[in-house]
Protein backbone atom coordinates (compact mmCIF):
# COMPACT_ATOMS: atom_id res chain seq x y z
CA ALA A 1 145.63 113.21 114.43
CA VAL A 2 148.12 114.46 116.33
CA ASP A 3 148.24 115.00 120.64
CA ARG A 4 152.34 116.44 120.43
CA ASP A 5 152.09 115.60 124.02
CA LEU A 6 154.84 113.09 125.40
CA GLY A 7 154.13 109.79 126.34
CA TYR A 8 150.86 107.72 127.83
CA ASN A 9 149.36 111.98 127.00
CA GLY A 10 150.18 111.85 123.87
CA LYS A 11 148.09 108.05 122.43
CA LEU A 12 145.23 108.94 120.88
CA ILE A 13 142.00 106.43 121.15
CA PHE A 14 139.83 107.29 118.68
CA GLY A 15 135.61 106.68 119.26
CA ILE A 16 132.31 106.66 116.77
CA THR A 17 130.63 108.55 119.80
CA ALA A 18 126.88 109.39 118.49
CA GLY A 19 125.03 108.63 114.88
CA ASP A 20 125.77 105.07 114.03
CA VAL A 21 121.43 104.03 114.70
CA ASP A 22 121.72 100.77 113.18
CA SER A 23 125.41 99.66 115.00
CA THR A 24 126.30 99.72 111.41
CA PHE A 25 129.80 100.91 111.38
CA SER A 26 132.74 100.02 113.38
CA ILE A 27 136.51 101.94 114.02
CA ASN A 28 139.79 101.03 114.61
CA GLN A 29 140.75 102.75 117.87
CA GLU A 30 144.04 103.34 117.30
CA THR A 31 143.67 104.35 113.96
CA GLY A 32 140.80 105.94 113.15
CA ASP A 33 139.92 103.82 110.64
CA ILE A 34 136.24 103.59 109.64
CA ARG A 35 134.60 100.17 108.03
CA VAL A 36 131.24 99.52 107.61
CA THR A 37 130.43 96.41 109.78
CA GLY A 38 126.24 95.81 108.95
CA TYR A 39 124.13 95.92 105.96
CA LEU A 40 123.38 99.54 104.26
CA ASP A 41 120.06 99.46 102.02
CA ARG A 42 120.04 103.49 100.15
CA GLU A 43 116.21 102.46 100.21
CA LYS A 44 116.05 102.54 104.35
CA ARG A 45 119.19 105.25 105.15
CA GLU A 46 120.08 107.23 102.31
CA ARG A 47 123.08 108.87 104.63
CA TYR A 48 124.91 108.89 108.20
CA TYR A 49 126.12 111.58 110.27
CA LEU A 50 128.72 110.52 112.57
CA ASN A 51 129.93 111.93 115.65
CA ILE A 52 133.62 110.89 114.95
CA THR A 53 135.59 111.87 118.23
CA VAL A 54 139.52 111.22 119.50
CA PHE A 55 140.07 111.00 122.89
CA ASP A 56 144.33 111.66 125.02
CA LEU A 57 144.96 108.98 127.52
CA GLY A 58 146.09 112.77 129.92
CA LYS A 59 144.85 113.66 132.61
CA PRO A 60 142.34 115.78 132.23
CA GLN A 61 141.12 113.87 128.50
CA LEU A 62 141.01 116.04 126.17
CA SER A 63 138.98 115.09 122.94
CA CYS A 64 138.44 116.78 119.89
CA SER A 65 135.18 115.76 117.69
CA ARG A 66 134.32 116.80 113.76
CA MET A 67 130.90 115.52 112.34
CA LEU A 68 131.67 113.50 109.41
CA SER A 69 128.30 112.29 106.72
CA VAL A 70 128.84 109.50 104.41
CA VAL A 71 126.07 109.10 101.56
CA VAL A 72 124.88 105.99 101.00
CA LEU A 73 124.77 105.18 96.74
CA ASP A 74 121.93 103.24 95.30
CA VAL A 75 123.02 99.73 93.76
CA ASN A 76 120.42 97.41 91.84
CA ASP A 77 119.14 95.59 95.03
CA ASN A 78 115.31 95.61 93.75
CA ALA A 79 113.95 93.69 91.70
CA PRO A 80 110.46 95.83 89.72
CA VAL A 81 107.27 94.65 91.01
CA PHE A 82 103.26 94.93 89.24
CA ASP A 83 100.56 96.91 91.26
CA LYS A 84 99.15 93.89 88.85
CA SER A 85 100.24 90.47 88.66
CA VAL A 86 97.14 88.59 86.88
CA VAL A 87 94.82 90.85 85.35
CA SER A 88 92.01 89.32 83.02
CA PHE A 89 89.23 91.48 80.30
CA ARG A 90 87.42 90.66 77.16
CA ILE A 91 88.18 92.75 73.69
CA LYS A 92 86.16 91.87 70.85
CA GLU A 93 86.84 90.04 67.80
CA ASP A 94 87.00 92.89 65.53
CA THR A 95 88.91 95.30 67.58
CA LYS A 96 91.10 97.35 65.38
CA SER A 97 95.13 97.32 65.73
CA GLY A 98 96.86 99.70 67.69
CA THR A 99 93.79 100.18 69.84
CA GLU A 100 95.27 100.19 73.07
CA ILE A 101 93.94 97.57 76.00
CA PHE A 102 95.72 97.75 79.51
CA ARG A 103 98.15 100.18 81.21
CA PHE A 104 100.61 97.87 82.55
CA LYS A 105 102.44 99.32 85.80
CA ALA A 106 105.45 98.69 87.81
CA THR A 107 107.76 100.24 89.91
CA ASP A 108 111.54 99.94 91.08
CA GLU A 109 112.70 101.07 94.83
CA ASP A 110 116.09 102.08 93.11
CA LEU A 111 117.50 105.62 92.29
CA GLY A 112 118.66 106.72 88.97
CA GLU A 113 119.07 103.89 86.44
CA ASN A 114 118.91 101.67 88.27
CA SER A 115 114.58 102.68 88.84
CA HIS A 116 113.96 102.81 85.45
CA VAL A 117 110.94 100.10 83.95
CA TRP A 118 111.48 98.24 80.31
CA TYR A 119 108.11 95.93 79.08
CA GLN A 120 108.14 93.27 76.91
CA ILE A 121 106.33 90.35 75.90
CA VAL A 122 107.93 87.70 76.83
CA THR A 123 105.20 85.40 74.85
CA ASP A 124 105.54 84.73 71.46
CA THR A 125 102.76 87.17 69.75
CA GLU A 126 102.01 88.72 66.93
CA ASN A 127 98.90 89.51 67.67
CA PHE A 128 99.27 92.66 70.75
CA HIS A 129 102.51 94.44 71.39
CA ILE A 130 104.06 96.47 74.72
CA ASP A 131 105.41 99.84 74.33
CA SER A 132 109.35 98.71 76.67
CA ARG A 133 108.33 101.93 78.61
CA SER A 134 105.60 102.87 79.23
CA GLY A 135 103.42 99.24 80.09
CA MET A 136 100.85 100.07 77.26
CA LEU A 137 99.43 96.90 75.52
CA THR A 138 98.01 97.17 72.35
CA VAL A 139 96.34 94.50 69.78
CA ARG A 140 99.12 94.49 66.45
CA GLN A 141 96.76 92.74 64.23
CA SER A 142 93.42 91.83 63.82
CA LEU A 143 92.13 89.33 65.65
CA ASP A 144 90.02 85.91 64.86
CA ARG A 145 87.75 84.51 67.90
CA GLU A 146 87.24 81.63 65.47
CA SER A 147 90.87 80.43 65.36
CA GLN A 148 91.73 81.67 69.15
CA SER A 149 89.78 82.89 71.23
CA SER A 150 92.24 83.47 74.09
CA TYR A 151 95.87 84.48 75.07
CA GLU A 152 97.60 84.81 77.77
CA LEU A 153 100.19 86.06 77.75
CA LYS A 154 103.52 86.72 79.99
CA ILE A 155 105.13 90.27 80.67
CA LYS A 156 107.78 90.79 82.06
CA ALA A 157 109.21 94.26 83.40
CA SER A 158 112.99 94.55 83.97
CA ASP A 159 115.31 97.73 85.21
CA ARG A 160 118.35 96.91 82.55
CA ALA A 161 117.58 100.30 79.98
CA SER A 162 120.36 98.91 78.06
CA ASP A 163 119.44 95.19 77.29
CA PRO A 164 116.54 94.03 78.97
CA ASN A 165 117.52 90.15 78.68
CA ASP A 166 120.18 91.28 81.18
CA PRO A 167 121.56 88.20 83.35
CA ASP A 168 122.35 91.18 86.45
CA ALA A 169 118.68 92.80 85.13
CA LEU A 170 115.97 92.38 88.15
CA HIS A 171 112.82 92.01 86.35
CA ALA A 172 108.82 91.08 87.21
CA VAL A 173 106.26 88.91 85.60
CA ALA A 174 102.83 89.64 85.37
CA LEU A 175 100.63 87.67 83.47
CA ALA A 176 96.80 88.58 81.08
CA ARG A 177 93.77 86.76 79.78
CA VAL A 178 92.91 88.16 76.83
CA LEU A 179 89.56 87.57 75.83
CA VAL A 180 87.79 86.90 72.51
CA ASP A 181 84.22 88.18 72.60
CA ASP A 182 82.66 87.12 69.29
CA VAL A 183 80.87 89.52 66.73
CA ASN A 184 78.89 88.49 63.81
CA ASP A 185 81.55 88.53 61.01
């Protein structure tokens, strides 16, 4: 901003006069530079409308205002959350390969790529499979109650599509207890 008055009447002072509802921003009164001084969280507020006013020091004092729209971009700051962190169910030992058992559901409050959830079984098992995108747990191969009557499967939901093992990936873990019922074989 420029004021063509001479001396004190031409000195300008900047201020945020409206819209800084959370006291998240500050403005340098002399330069008009705006800084973030609080915590921005896109999940709580995704846009701010700041009224920036420049005042001169003349008598009478004159001013000019402009609306500044500040868009808060998303960062990966929320881990997925399972709707059920522990599930138990029973299946018969003669359950066919490919049979769907349970669909895990995890959600992530982030936006875009950061909100995509990918599933994997952490427990070492050849007997079960989980679809990495849908979270559907299925029987992979036939079960034998006489060899193993129950399974505890750790299911991990990660929010990094490119590599769920990325150290920056946020994740949650759920537990599935599978009891195998005997059939007359």
